N, C-alpha and C. Protein backbone atom coordinates (compact mmCIF):
# COMPACT_ATOMS: atom_id res chain seq x y z
N MET A 1 -10.36 -7.03 22.58
CA MET A 1 -9.99 -6.75 21.37
C MET A 1 -9.32 -8.05 20.79
N SER A 2 -9.79 -8.54 19.66
CA SER A 2 -9.07 -9.66 19.06
C SER A 2 -7.84 -9.37 18.30
N GLU A 3 -7.05 -10.40 18.02
CA GLU A 3 -5.75 -10.18 17.37
C GLU A 3 -6.02 -9.65 16.02
N SER A 4 -7.16 -10.06 15.34
CA SER A 4 -7.49 -9.58 13.96
C SER A 4 -7.80 -8.22 14.02
N ASP A 5 -8.05 -7.46 15.14
CA ASP A 5 -8.49 -6.10 15.20
C ASP A 5 -7.32 -5.14 15.27
N VAL A 6 -6.17 -5.82 15.55
CA VAL A 6 -4.91 -4.99 15.67
C VAL A 6 -3.88 -5.17 14.74
N LEU A 7 -3.21 -4.19 14.05
CA LEU A 7 -2.06 -4.59 13.19
C LEU A 7 -0.86 -5.02 14.03
N SER A 8 -0.03 -5.65 13.30
CA SER A 8 1.11 -6.31 13.96
C SER A 8 1.96 -5.08 14.77
N SER A 9 1.91 -3.87 14.18
CA SER A 9 2.49 -2.74 14.82
C SER A 9 1.84 -2.39 15.90
N GLY A 10 0.58 -2.87 16.24
CA GLY A 10 -0.02 -2.46 17.46
C GLY A 10 -1.17 -1.32 17.18
N LEU A 11 -1.25 -0.93 16.19
CA LEU A 11 -2.42 0.00 15.70
C LEU A 11 -3.53 -0.62 15.63
N SER A 12 -4.62 -0.08 16.33
CA SER A 12 -6.00 -0.87 16.32
C SER A 12 -6.49 -0.54 14.95
N MET A 13 -7.68 -1.38 14.55
CA MET A 13 -8.54 -1.02 13.34
C MET A 13 -9.24 0.32 13.51
N ALA A 14 -9.62 0.64 14.93
CA ALA A 14 -10.39 1.80 15.02
C ALA A 14 -9.45 2.99 14.76
N GLU A 15 -8.14 2.90 15.15
CA GLU A 15 -7.24 4.06 15.05
C GLU A 15 -6.99 4.14 13.56
N LEU A 16 -6.75 3.10 12.79
CA LEU A 16 -6.59 3.11 11.41
C LEU A 16 -7.70 3.94 10.60
N GLY A 17 -8.87 3.24 11.12
CA GLY A 17 -10.15 3.96 10.39
C GLY A 17 -10.17 5.40 10.69
N ALA A 18 -9.94 5.88 11.91
CA ALA A 18 -10.01 7.16 12.16
C ALA A 18 -9.05 8.07 11.41
N ARG A 19 -7.79 7.46 11.08
CA ARG A 19 -6.73 8.24 10.24
C ARG A 19 -7.22 8.36 8.83
N ILE A 20 -7.85 7.25 8.29
CA ILE A 20 -8.27 7.27 6.94
C ILE A 20 -9.47 8.19 6.62
N ARG A 21 -10.33 8.32 7.81
CA ARG A 21 -11.30 9.36 7.70
C ARG A 21 -10.84 10.80 7.76
N ALA A 22 -9.84 10.77 8.70
CA ALA A 22 -9.30 12.26 8.77
C ALA A 22 -8.62 12.68 7.39
N GLU A 23 -7.94 11.72 6.87
CA GLU A 23 -7.26 12.00 5.60
C GLU A 23 -8.32 12.42 4.42
N ARG A 24 -9.33 11.67 4.50
CA ARG A 24 -10.43 11.95 3.65
C ARG A 24 -10.96 13.32 3.63
N ARG A 25 -11.37 13.59 4.98
CA ARG A 25 -12.06 14.92 5.35
C ARG A 25 -11.13 16.05 5.05
N ALA A 26 -9.84 15.84 5.25
CA ALA A 26 -8.92 16.92 5.10
C ALA A 26 -8.86 17.26 3.48
N ARG A 27 -9.29 16.46 2.71
CA ARG A 27 -9.21 16.61 1.34
C ARG A 27 -10.63 17.12 0.89
N GLY A 28 -11.62 17.13 1.67
CA GLY A 28 -12.97 17.59 1.41
C GLY A 28 -13.64 16.59 0.48
N MET A 29 -13.36 15.19 0.73
CA MET A 29 -13.84 14.11 0.05
C MET A 29 -14.90 13.38 0.59
N ALA A 30 -15.96 13.28 -0.16
CA ALA A 30 -17.08 12.41 0.29
C ALA A 30 -16.68 11.02 0.28
N LEU A 31 -17.35 10.24 1.17
CA LEU A 31 -17.07 8.77 1.36
C LEU A 31 -17.31 8.02 -0.10
N GLU A 32 -18.36 8.47 -0.83
CA GLU A 32 -18.66 8.00 -2.13
C GLU A 32 -17.60 8.23 -3.15
N ARG A 33 -17.10 9.49 -3.01
CA ARG A 33 -15.96 9.74 -3.87
C ARG A 33 -14.75 8.72 -3.63
N LEU A 34 -14.50 8.61 -2.37
CA LEU A 34 -13.51 7.67 -1.95
C LEU A 34 -13.50 6.30 -2.53
N ALA A 35 -14.89 5.75 -2.42
CA ALA A 35 -15.09 4.54 -2.95
C ALA A 35 -15.06 4.55 -4.57
N ALA A 36 -15.48 5.58 -5.14
CA ALA A 36 -15.29 5.48 -6.64
C ALA A 36 -13.89 5.71 -7.10
N LEU A 37 -12.98 6.40 -6.42
CA LEU A 37 -11.73 6.56 -6.81
C LEU A 37 -10.74 5.29 -6.47
N SER A 38 -11.13 4.59 -5.54
CA SER A 38 -10.38 3.43 -4.93
C SER A 38 -10.82 1.94 -5.65
N GLY A 39 -11.97 2.02 -6.04
CA GLY A 39 -12.59 0.75 -6.46
C GLY A 39 -13.07 -0.17 -5.49
N VAL A 40 -12.99 0.46 -4.30
CA VAL A 40 -13.52 -0.29 -3.17
C VAL A 40 -14.94 0.20 -2.77
N SER A 41 -15.68 -0.80 -2.60
CA SER A 41 -17.08 -0.56 -2.32
C SER A 41 -17.25 0.48 -1.18
N ARG A 42 -18.56 1.30 -1.17
CA ARG A 42 -18.66 2.23 -0.24
C ARG A 42 -19.00 1.54 1.13
N SER A 43 -19.52 0.48 1.08
CA SER A 43 -19.81 -0.21 2.44
C SER A 43 -18.55 -0.82 2.96
N MET A 44 -17.52 -1.20 2.17
CA MET A 44 -16.35 -1.62 2.58
C MET A 44 -15.52 -0.50 3.15
N ALA A 45 -15.41 0.58 2.43
CA ALA A 45 -14.65 1.88 2.83
C ALA A 45 -15.35 2.46 4.19
N SER A 46 -16.63 2.26 4.35
CA SER A 46 -17.32 2.74 5.54
C SER A 46 -16.98 1.96 6.66
N GLU A 47 -16.93 0.54 6.59
CA GLU A 47 -16.65 -0.32 7.59
C GLU A 47 -15.12 -0.10 8.09
N VAL A 48 -14.24 0.11 7.05
CA VAL A 48 -12.80 0.33 7.48
C VAL A 48 -12.73 1.60 8.28
N GLU A 49 -13.40 2.72 7.81
CA GLU A 49 -13.28 3.84 8.57
C GLU A 49 -13.89 3.76 10.11
N ARG A 50 -15.02 3.03 10.10
CA ARG A 50 -15.44 2.79 11.60
C ARG A 50 -14.74 1.77 12.31
N GLY A 51 -13.67 1.11 11.68
CA GLY A 51 -12.95 0.21 12.44
C GLY A 51 -13.70 -1.29 12.64
N THR A 52 -14.59 -1.50 11.87
CA THR A 52 -15.35 -2.74 12.13
C THR A 52 -14.91 -3.84 11.04
N LYS A 53 -14.10 -3.39 10.07
CA LYS A 53 -13.73 -4.44 9.27
C LYS A 53 -12.17 -4.22 8.96
N THR A 54 -11.36 -5.35 9.09
CA THR A 54 -10.08 -5.37 8.87
C THR A 54 -9.70 -5.52 7.18
N PRO A 55 -9.13 -4.36 6.63
CA PRO A 55 -8.91 -4.48 5.21
C PRO A 55 -7.72 -5.30 4.87
N THR A 56 -7.71 -5.88 3.66
CA THR A 56 -6.46 -6.53 3.35
C THR A 56 -5.51 -5.57 2.92
N VAL A 57 -4.21 -5.88 2.66
CA VAL A 57 -3.23 -4.91 2.33
C VAL A 57 -3.40 -4.23 0.89
N LEU A 58 -4.10 -5.02 0.02
CA LEU A 58 -4.50 -4.48 -1.31
C LEU A 58 -5.59 -3.42 -1.15
N VAL A 59 -6.46 -3.71 -0.34
CA VAL A 59 -7.55 -2.74 -0.23
C VAL A 59 -7.02 -1.48 0.64
N LEU A 60 -6.22 -1.60 1.57
CA LEU A 60 -5.71 -0.41 2.23
C LEU A 60 -4.90 0.41 1.45
N ASP A 61 -4.05 -0.27 0.31
CA ASP A 61 -3.26 0.42 -0.58
C ASP A 61 -4.19 1.25 -1.59
N ARG A 62 -5.26 0.43 -1.94
CA ARG A 62 -6.24 1.23 -2.84
C ARG A 62 -6.85 2.44 -2.21
N LEU A 63 -7.05 2.41 -0.90
CA LEU A 63 -7.63 3.58 -0.28
C LEU A 63 -6.67 4.61 -0.27
N ALA A 64 -5.31 4.30 0.23
CA ALA A 64 -4.36 5.09 0.20
C ALA A 64 -4.05 5.94 -1.05
N THR A 65 -4.10 5.05 -2.20
CA THR A 65 -3.73 5.56 -3.58
C THR A 65 -4.95 6.58 -3.80
N ALA A 66 -6.15 6.14 -3.51
CA ALA A 66 -7.20 7.10 -3.84
C ALA A 66 -7.12 8.50 -3.05
N LEU A 67 -6.63 8.54 -1.92
CA LEU A 67 -6.26 9.59 -1.12
C LEU A 67 -5.03 10.34 -1.56
N GLY A 68 -4.14 9.83 -2.57
CA GLY A 68 -3.03 10.43 -3.01
C GLY A 68 -2.03 10.37 -1.96
N THR A 69 -2.00 9.23 -1.32
CA THR A 69 -0.99 9.03 -0.04
C THR A 69 -0.46 7.65 -0.11
N SER A 70 0.22 7.31 0.95
CA SER A 70 0.68 5.96 1.00
C SER A 70 0.13 5.22 2.31
N ILE A 71 0.43 3.90 2.30
CA ILE A 71 0.10 3.23 3.59
C ILE A 71 0.88 3.77 4.80
N ALA A 72 2.07 3.98 4.47
CA ALA A 72 2.89 4.33 5.71
C ALA A 72 2.23 5.68 6.39
N ARG A 73 1.76 6.54 5.48
CA ARG A 73 1.10 7.77 6.14
C ARG A 73 -0.12 7.42 6.83
N LEU A 74 -0.78 6.48 6.51
CA LEU A 74 -2.07 6.02 7.25
C LEU A 74 -1.73 5.31 8.62
N LEU A 75 -0.52 4.78 8.61
CA LEU A 75 -0.20 3.98 9.76
C LEU A 75 0.59 4.86 10.79
N ASP A 76 1.24 5.74 10.35
CA ASP A 76 2.28 6.64 11.34
C ASP A 76 1.78 8.02 11.25
N GLU A 77 2.27 8.83 12.24
CA GLU A 77 2.25 10.24 12.42
C GLU A 77 3.55 10.83 11.86
N PRO A 78 3.66 11.92 11.15
CA PRO A 78 4.82 12.60 10.81
C PRO A 78 5.63 12.75 11.84
N VAL A 79 7.08 12.55 11.54
CA VAL A 79 8.12 12.78 12.49
C VAL A 79 8.89 14.06 11.97
N HIS A 80 9.69 14.67 12.92
CA HIS A 80 10.47 15.87 12.69
C HIS A 80 11.61 15.51 11.59
N PRO A 81 11.73 16.19 10.52
CA PRO A 81 12.70 15.66 9.48
C PRO A 81 14.05 15.88 9.86
N ASP A 82 14.61 14.92 10.69
CA ASP A 82 15.97 14.93 11.11
C ASP A 82 16.37 13.50 11.04
N VAL A 83 17.50 13.13 11.78
CA VAL A 83 17.91 11.75 11.62
C VAL A 83 17.00 10.84 12.33
N VAL A 84 16.41 9.95 11.74
CA VAL A 84 15.41 8.91 12.33
C VAL A 84 15.83 7.50 12.28
N ILE A 85 15.79 6.85 13.31
CA ILE A 85 16.26 5.44 13.48
C ILE A 85 14.89 4.66 13.67
N LEU A 86 14.64 3.83 12.78
CA LEU A 86 13.45 2.93 12.94
C LEU A 86 14.00 1.51 13.36
N SER A 87 13.74 1.19 14.68
CA SER A 87 14.19 -0.32 15.14
C SER A 87 13.28 -1.32 14.44
N GLY A 88 13.85 -2.57 14.48
CA GLY A 88 12.97 -3.54 13.80
C GLY A 88 11.72 -3.74 14.42
N GLU A 89 11.60 -3.55 15.86
CA GLU A 89 10.26 -3.67 16.60
C GLU A 89 9.54 -2.45 16.21
N GLY A 90 10.04 -1.34 15.91
CA GLY A 90 9.22 -0.08 15.77
C GLY A 90 8.68 0.05 14.30
N GLN A 91 9.14 -0.84 13.51
CA GLN A 91 8.64 -0.83 12.04
C GLN A 91 7.31 -1.33 11.84
N ARG A 92 6.57 -0.51 10.97
CA ARG A 92 5.19 -0.94 10.75
C ARG A 92 5.08 -2.02 9.85
N VAL A 93 4.28 -3.11 10.28
CA VAL A 93 4.12 -4.38 9.34
C VAL A 93 2.73 -4.59 9.15
N VAL A 94 2.27 -4.94 7.91
CA VAL A 94 0.87 -5.20 7.54
C VAL A 94 1.05 -6.56 6.94
N ARG A 95 0.21 -7.45 7.30
CA ARG A 95 0.16 -8.77 6.71
C ARG A 95 -1.14 -9.09 6.27
N ASP A 96 -1.25 -9.76 5.07
CA ASP A 96 -2.22 -10.04 4.21
C ASP A 96 -2.58 -11.50 4.47
N PRO A 97 -3.84 -11.90 4.59
CA PRO A 97 -4.32 -13.27 4.77
C PRO A 97 -3.86 -14.39 3.86
N SER A 98 -3.72 -13.84 2.53
CA SER A 98 -3.24 -14.62 1.52
C SER A 98 -1.96 -15.18 1.50
N GLY A 99 -1.07 -14.64 2.35
CA GLY A 99 0.40 -15.15 2.60
C GLY A 99 1.41 -14.26 2.42
N TRP A 100 1.25 -12.97 2.49
CA TRP A 100 2.36 -11.92 2.22
C TRP A 100 2.20 -10.83 3.24
N GLU A 101 3.49 -10.16 3.33
CA GLU A 101 3.48 -9.10 4.33
C GLU A 101 4.30 -7.79 3.61
N ARG A 102 4.00 -6.79 4.20
CA ARG A 102 4.75 -5.49 3.77
C ARG A 102 5.20 -4.92 5.03
N ARG A 103 6.64 -4.57 5.04
CA ARG A 103 7.26 -4.07 6.22
C ARG A 103 7.74 -2.45 5.67
N ILE A 104 7.37 -1.69 6.50
CA ILE A 104 7.68 -0.35 6.08
C ILE A 104 8.91 0.17 6.76
N LEU A 105 9.85 0.58 5.77
CA LEU A 105 11.24 0.96 6.38
C LEU A 105 11.46 2.37 6.41
N SER A 106 10.58 3.24 5.96
CA SER A 106 10.81 4.63 5.91
C SER A 106 9.91 5.44 6.81
N PRO A 107 10.52 6.62 7.51
CA PRO A 107 9.48 7.39 8.38
C PRO A 107 8.62 8.06 7.61
N VAL A 108 7.67 8.60 8.25
CA VAL A 108 6.69 9.53 7.48
C VAL A 108 6.96 10.96 7.82
N LEU A 109 7.45 11.61 6.80
CA LEU A 109 7.85 13.23 7.02
C LEU A 109 6.84 14.15 6.50
N PRO A 110 6.70 15.20 7.24
CA PRO A 110 5.78 16.35 6.77
C PRO A 110 6.02 16.78 5.29
N GLY A 111 4.95 16.64 4.40
CA GLY A 111 4.84 17.05 3.07
C GLY A 111 5.74 16.29 2.11
N VAL A 112 6.11 14.98 2.68
CA VAL A 112 6.96 14.10 1.57
C VAL A 112 5.96 12.85 1.41
N GLU A 113 5.80 12.56 0.22
CA GLU A 113 5.04 11.27 -0.14
C GLU A 113 6.01 10.33 -0.69
N PHE A 114 6.67 9.67 0.35
CA PHE A 114 7.76 8.72 -0.07
C PHE A 114 7.59 7.43 0.83
N GLU A 115 7.65 6.16 0.22
CA GLU A 115 7.70 5.01 0.87
C GLU A 115 8.75 4.00 0.52
N PHE A 116 9.48 3.37 1.37
CA PHE A 116 10.45 2.34 1.20
C PHE A 116 9.93 1.11 2.07
N MET A 117 9.76 0.00 1.39
CA MET A 117 9.22 -1.21 2.10
C MET A 117 9.88 -2.46 1.79
N ARG A 118 9.85 -3.41 2.44
CA ARG A 118 10.22 -4.83 2.13
C ARG A 118 9.10 -5.77 2.25
N THR A 119 8.92 -6.39 1.02
CA THR A 119 7.78 -7.19 0.90
C THR A 119 8.19 -8.75 0.82
N THR A 120 7.47 -9.60 1.49
CA THR A 120 7.81 -11.06 1.46
C THR A 120 6.54 -11.70 1.04
N LEU A 121 6.76 -12.43 -0.15
CA LEU A 121 5.57 -13.20 -0.75
C LEU A 121 5.78 -14.66 -0.59
N GLY A 122 4.89 -15.37 0.09
CA GLY A 122 5.06 -16.77 0.37
C GLY A 122 4.96 -17.50 -1.10
N PRO A 123 5.35 -18.74 -1.07
CA PRO A 123 5.25 -19.60 -2.36
C PRO A 123 3.94 -19.57 -2.95
N GLY A 124 3.81 -19.35 -4.24
CA GLY A 124 2.71 -19.34 -4.91
C GLY A 124 1.71 -18.16 -4.70
N VAL A 125 2.14 -17.15 -3.93
CA VAL A 125 1.28 -16.15 -3.59
C VAL A 125 1.19 -14.99 -4.70
N ASP A 126 -0.03 -14.63 -4.94
CA ASP A 126 -0.28 -13.73 -5.93
C ASP A 126 -0.93 -12.39 -5.06
N ALA A 127 -0.26 -11.28 -4.96
CA ALA A 127 -0.52 -10.17 -4.12
C ALA A 127 -1.65 -9.50 -4.75
N GLY A 128 -2.10 -9.58 -6.05
CA GLY A 128 -3.07 -8.95 -6.69
C GLY A 128 -2.59 -7.57 -7.41
N GLU A 129 -3.57 -7.03 -8.03
CA GLU A 129 -3.12 -5.83 -8.96
C GLU A 129 -3.56 -4.55 -8.01
N PHE A 130 -2.33 -3.62 -8.07
CA PHE A 130 -2.61 -2.30 -7.37
C PHE A 130 -3.00 -1.13 -8.33
N SER A 131 -3.73 -0.20 -7.95
CA SER A 131 -4.17 0.75 -8.75
C SER A 131 -3.04 1.84 -9.03
N PRO A 132 -3.23 2.44 -10.34
CA PRO A 132 -2.25 3.38 -10.64
C PRO A 132 -2.15 4.68 -9.72
N HIS A 133 -0.97 5.10 -9.24
CA HIS A 133 -0.90 6.40 -8.46
C HIS A 133 -0.98 7.53 -9.60
N ALA A 134 -0.87 8.74 -8.98
CA ALA A 134 -0.94 9.93 -9.77
C ALA A 134 0.15 9.96 -10.75
N PRO A 135 -0.11 10.69 -11.81
CA PRO A 135 1.16 10.93 -12.85
C PRO A 135 2.32 11.64 -12.08
N GLY A 136 3.49 11.16 -12.48
CA GLY A 136 4.54 11.71 -11.82
C GLY A 136 5.08 11.03 -10.78
N SER A 137 4.45 10.03 -10.60
CA SER A 137 5.02 8.91 -9.28
C SER A 137 5.86 7.97 -9.90
N HIS A 138 6.66 7.42 -9.17
CA HIS A 138 7.78 6.59 -9.48
C HIS A 138 7.92 5.43 -8.55
N GLU A 139 8.23 4.23 -9.11
CA GLU A 139 8.44 3.01 -8.29
C GLU A 139 9.70 2.22 -8.64
N TYR A 140 10.52 1.88 -7.72
CA TYR A 140 11.61 1.11 -7.97
C TYR A 140 11.77 -0.15 -7.11
N ILE A 141 12.14 -1.22 -7.78
CA ILE A 141 12.03 -2.64 -7.06
C ILE A 141 13.58 -3.19 -7.25
N ALA A 142 13.95 -3.86 -6.06
CA ALA A 142 15.17 -4.71 -6.07
C ALA A 142 14.84 -6.11 -5.42
N LEU A 143 15.11 -7.15 -6.18
CA LEU A 143 14.71 -8.42 -5.67
C LEU A 143 15.65 -9.01 -4.88
N GLU A 144 15.45 -9.52 -3.67
CA GLU A 144 16.51 -9.80 -2.99
C GLU A 144 16.70 -11.43 -2.96
N THR A 145 15.65 -12.10 -2.93
CA THR A 145 15.74 -13.54 -3.01
C THR A 145 14.37 -14.12 -3.79
N GLY A 146 14.59 -15.16 -4.29
CA GLY A 146 13.28 -15.86 -4.91
C GLY A 146 13.16 -15.28 -6.38
N ARG A 147 11.99 -15.43 -6.87
CA ARG A 147 11.55 -14.96 -8.22
C ARG A 147 10.39 -14.15 -8.16
N LEU A 148 10.25 -13.15 -8.96
CA LEU A 148 8.96 -12.24 -8.90
C LEU A 148 8.43 -11.98 -10.31
N ARG A 149 7.20 -12.18 -10.47
CA ARG A 149 6.34 -11.75 -11.70
C ARG A 149 5.88 -10.38 -11.46
N LEU A 150 6.56 -9.39 -11.98
CA LEU A 150 5.99 -8.13 -11.93
C LEU A 150 5.19 -7.83 -13.19
N THR A 151 3.98 -7.26 -13.04
CA THR A 151 3.10 -6.98 -14.25
C THR A 151 2.68 -5.53 -14.27
N VAL A 152 3.20 -4.93 -15.16
CA VAL A 152 2.76 -3.42 -15.55
C VAL A 152 1.82 -3.21 -16.59
N ASP A 153 0.67 -2.72 -16.42
CA ASP A 153 -0.43 -2.51 -17.47
C ASP A 153 -0.54 -3.87 -18.35
N GLY A 154 -0.60 -4.87 -17.68
CA GLY A 154 -0.92 -6.17 -18.28
C GLY A 154 0.29 -6.90 -18.96
N VAL A 155 1.44 -6.24 -18.91
CA VAL A 155 2.69 -6.85 -19.48
C VAL A 155 3.43 -7.45 -18.38
N PRO A 156 3.69 -8.89 -18.35
CA PRO A 156 4.45 -9.49 -17.16
C PRO A 156 5.99 -9.27 -17.42
N TYR A 157 6.83 -9.32 -16.39
CA TYR A 157 8.36 -9.17 -16.54
C TYR A 157 8.61 -10.14 -15.27
N ARG A 158 9.59 -10.99 -15.54
CA ARG A 158 10.15 -12.03 -14.74
C ARG A 158 11.63 -11.49 -14.05
N LEU A 159 11.63 -11.30 -12.85
CA LEU A 159 12.76 -10.98 -12.01
C LEU A 159 13.41 -12.06 -11.23
N GLU A 160 14.63 -12.20 -11.30
CA GLU A 160 15.33 -13.20 -10.59
C GLU A 160 16.02 -12.44 -9.44
N ALA A 161 16.51 -13.29 -8.47
CA ALA A 161 17.28 -12.57 -7.33
C ALA A 161 18.55 -11.82 -7.86
N GLY A 162 18.73 -10.39 -7.25
CA GLY A 162 19.70 -9.54 -7.73
C GLY A 162 19.04 -8.64 -8.82
N ASP A 163 18.04 -8.82 -9.36
CA ASP A 163 17.57 -7.86 -10.46
C ASP A 163 16.89 -6.71 -9.83
N ALA A 164 16.78 -5.61 -10.64
CA ALA A 164 16.09 -4.51 -10.07
C ALA A 164 15.25 -3.98 -11.30
N ALA A 165 14.39 -3.00 -11.15
CA ALA A 165 13.42 -2.69 -12.05
C ALA A 165 12.77 -1.34 -11.67
N TYR A 166 12.44 -0.50 -12.71
CA TYR A 166 11.62 0.76 -12.39
C TYR A 166 10.47 0.86 -13.31
N PHE A 167 9.38 1.42 -12.83
CA PHE A 167 8.33 1.73 -13.69
C PHE A 167 7.56 2.73 -13.22
N PRO A 168 6.84 3.58 -14.04
CA PRO A 168 6.13 4.77 -13.67
C PRO A 168 4.96 4.36 -12.78
N GLY A 169 4.76 5.12 -11.73
CA GLY A 169 3.80 4.84 -10.55
C GLY A 169 2.32 5.04 -11.14
N ASP A 170 2.10 5.65 -12.15
CA ASP A 170 0.75 5.81 -12.77
C ASP A 170 0.29 4.80 -13.63
N ARG A 171 0.88 3.54 -13.56
CA ARG A 171 0.35 2.30 -14.31
C ARG A 171 -0.16 1.35 -13.38
N ARG A 172 -1.09 0.35 -13.89
CA ARG A 172 -1.52 -0.75 -13.09
C ARG A 172 -0.46 -1.71 -12.95
N HIS A 173 -0.22 -2.10 -11.76
CA HIS A 173 0.95 -2.98 -11.37
C HIS A 173 0.42 -4.21 -10.34
N ALA A 174 1.17 -5.26 -10.69
CA ALA A 174 0.83 -6.54 -9.85
C ALA A 174 2.17 -7.21 -9.49
N PHE A 175 1.96 -8.01 -8.44
CA PHE A 175 3.26 -8.75 -7.83
C PHE A 175 2.86 -10.13 -7.71
N ALA A 176 3.52 -11.18 -8.16
CA ALA A 176 3.19 -12.46 -7.84
C ALA A 176 4.51 -13.25 -7.79
N ASN A 177 4.33 -14.40 -6.91
CA ASN A 177 5.40 -15.30 -6.79
C ASN A 177 4.89 -16.58 -7.17
N ASP A 178 5.38 -16.98 -8.45
CA ASP A 178 5.00 -18.40 -8.98
C ASP A 178 5.78 -19.44 -8.57
N SER A 179 6.76 -19.19 -7.81
CA SER A 179 7.66 -20.49 -7.46
C SER A 179 7.37 -21.10 -6.08
N ALA A 180 7.98 -22.14 -5.77
CA ALA A 180 7.74 -22.85 -4.53
C ALA A 180 8.55 -22.39 -3.42
N ASP A 181 9.19 -21.25 -3.69
CA ASP A 181 10.08 -20.55 -2.62
C ASP A 181 9.63 -19.34 -2.16
N PRO A 182 9.89 -18.73 -1.10
CA PRO A 182 9.49 -17.49 -0.64
C PRO A 182 10.16 -16.37 -1.63
N CYS A 183 9.57 -15.20 -1.83
CA CYS A 183 10.22 -14.19 -2.57
C CYS A 183 10.39 -12.88 -1.64
N VAL A 184 11.48 -12.31 -1.71
CA VAL A 184 11.63 -11.11 -0.89
C VAL A 184 12.02 -9.95 -1.70
N TYR A 185 11.38 -8.77 -1.79
CA TYR A 185 11.88 -7.73 -2.48
C TYR A 185 11.77 -6.40 -1.92
N TYR A 186 12.54 -5.45 -2.10
CA TYR A 186 12.42 -4.10 -1.76
C TYR A 186 11.83 -3.10 -2.79
N LEU A 187 10.84 -2.18 -2.18
CA LEU A 187 10.27 -1.28 -3.19
C LEU A 187 10.21 0.06 -2.71
N ALA A 188 10.69 1.15 -3.45
CA ALA A 188 10.67 2.39 -3.08
C ALA A 188 9.76 3.22 -4.08
N MET A 189 9.00 4.09 -3.42
CA MET A 189 8.16 4.83 -4.52
C MET A 189 7.99 6.35 -3.84
N THR A 190 8.00 7.22 -4.89
CA THR A 190 7.65 8.64 -4.74
C THR A 190 6.25 8.75 -5.38
N LEU A 191 5.44 9.57 -4.55
CA LEU A 191 4.19 9.77 -5.04
C LEU A 191 3.86 11.32 -5.23
N ASN A 192 3.18 11.54 -6.34
CA ASN A 192 2.70 12.88 -6.55
C ASN A 192 1.18 12.95 -5.88
N ARG A 193 0.74 14.09 -5.42
CA ARG A 193 -0.54 14.19 -4.60
C ARG A 193 -1.34 15.01 -5.75
N PRO A 194 -2.35 14.32 -6.43
CA PRO A 194 -3.15 15.16 -7.45
C PRO A 194 -4.19 15.90 -6.74
N ALA A 195 -4.83 16.93 -7.49
CA ALA A 195 -6.11 17.48 -7.08
C ALA A 195 -7.21 16.26 -7.28
N ASP A 196 -8.25 16.38 -6.46
CA ASP A 196 -9.16 15.45 -6.42
C ASP A 196 -9.85 15.15 -7.88
N GLY A 197 -10.21 16.22 -8.47
CA GLY A 197 -10.76 16.22 -9.69
C GLY A 197 -10.06 15.58 -10.91
N ASN A 198 -8.72 15.41 -10.53
CA ASN A 198 -7.80 14.79 -11.65
C ASN A 198 -7.66 13.32 -11.45
N ARG A 199 -8.05 12.84 -10.31
CA ARG A 199 -7.75 11.45 -9.98
C ARG A 199 -8.49 10.43 -10.82
N ARG A 200 -7.75 9.43 -11.09
CA ARG A 200 -8.42 8.30 -11.95
C ARG A 200 -8.93 7.22 -11.03
N ALA A 201 -10.09 6.77 -11.26
CA ALA A 201 -10.77 5.81 -10.46
C ALA A 201 -9.76 4.58 -10.60
N GLY A 202 -9.51 3.68 -9.47
CA GLY A 202 -8.76 2.45 -9.58
C GLY A 202 -9.43 1.59 -10.51
N ARG A 203 -8.65 0.91 -11.38
CA ARG A 203 -9.21 -0.04 -12.36
C ARG A 203 -9.26 -1.63 -11.81
N GLY A 204 -10.30 -2.16 -12.14
CA GLY A 204 -10.28 -3.66 -11.59
C GLY A 204 -10.31 -3.76 -10.13
N GLY A 205 -10.93 -2.69 -9.35
CA GLY A 205 -10.87 -2.82 -7.93
C GLY A 205 -11.81 -4.12 -7.53
N ARG A 206 -11.34 -4.44 -6.29
CA ARG A 206 -11.98 -5.57 -5.65
C ARG A 206 -11.87 -5.24 -4.20
N ASP A 207 -12.94 -5.80 -3.36
CA ASP A 207 -13.19 -5.41 -2.06
C ASP A 207 -12.23 -6.17 -1.08
N GLY A 208 -11.74 -7.32 -1.40
CA GLY A 208 -10.91 -8.14 -0.73
C GLY A 208 -11.71 -8.65 0.63
């Protein structure tokens, strides 16, 4: 098994694909529906489910969004809702070939759609545009170092180290680092899980 077939957390692509497929089937959703909602092609979604294609972080996020869940839930099994300590070595990390990474800092809890993450964007890296989550979702950002260009529904906002921001999670949103230095920010989001019939298809999707 090659290094590209395994996430930095140790989860294999086959295991990830099986979890995505299980989440889809649990919702009674056909593969074609998942593709339409996520903006990811059916062939790409199928390859990811079969573990034969390593998705970018953006593609993985769009699949999770179409399922009404988070990347964290796709990577981890729910834990008992008690005190949970996530060691640095035990935290799930997904890295994108374009030069950025997402480190998941929150445990997966039964019935709770919440994700807390630390994201690092390399110099000049554009992470791309993420699909809207369900209405009633919320996202909060705190910029630790560097500069961040946050774009919400096509409107750019410039954040400096120490700044914080909030935006409704049901908007198109994008993150980019236009500077020559790394950018590190924390993001927390709470997600509503909509009925499949009310899901909006991801706009401007790309297969990555």
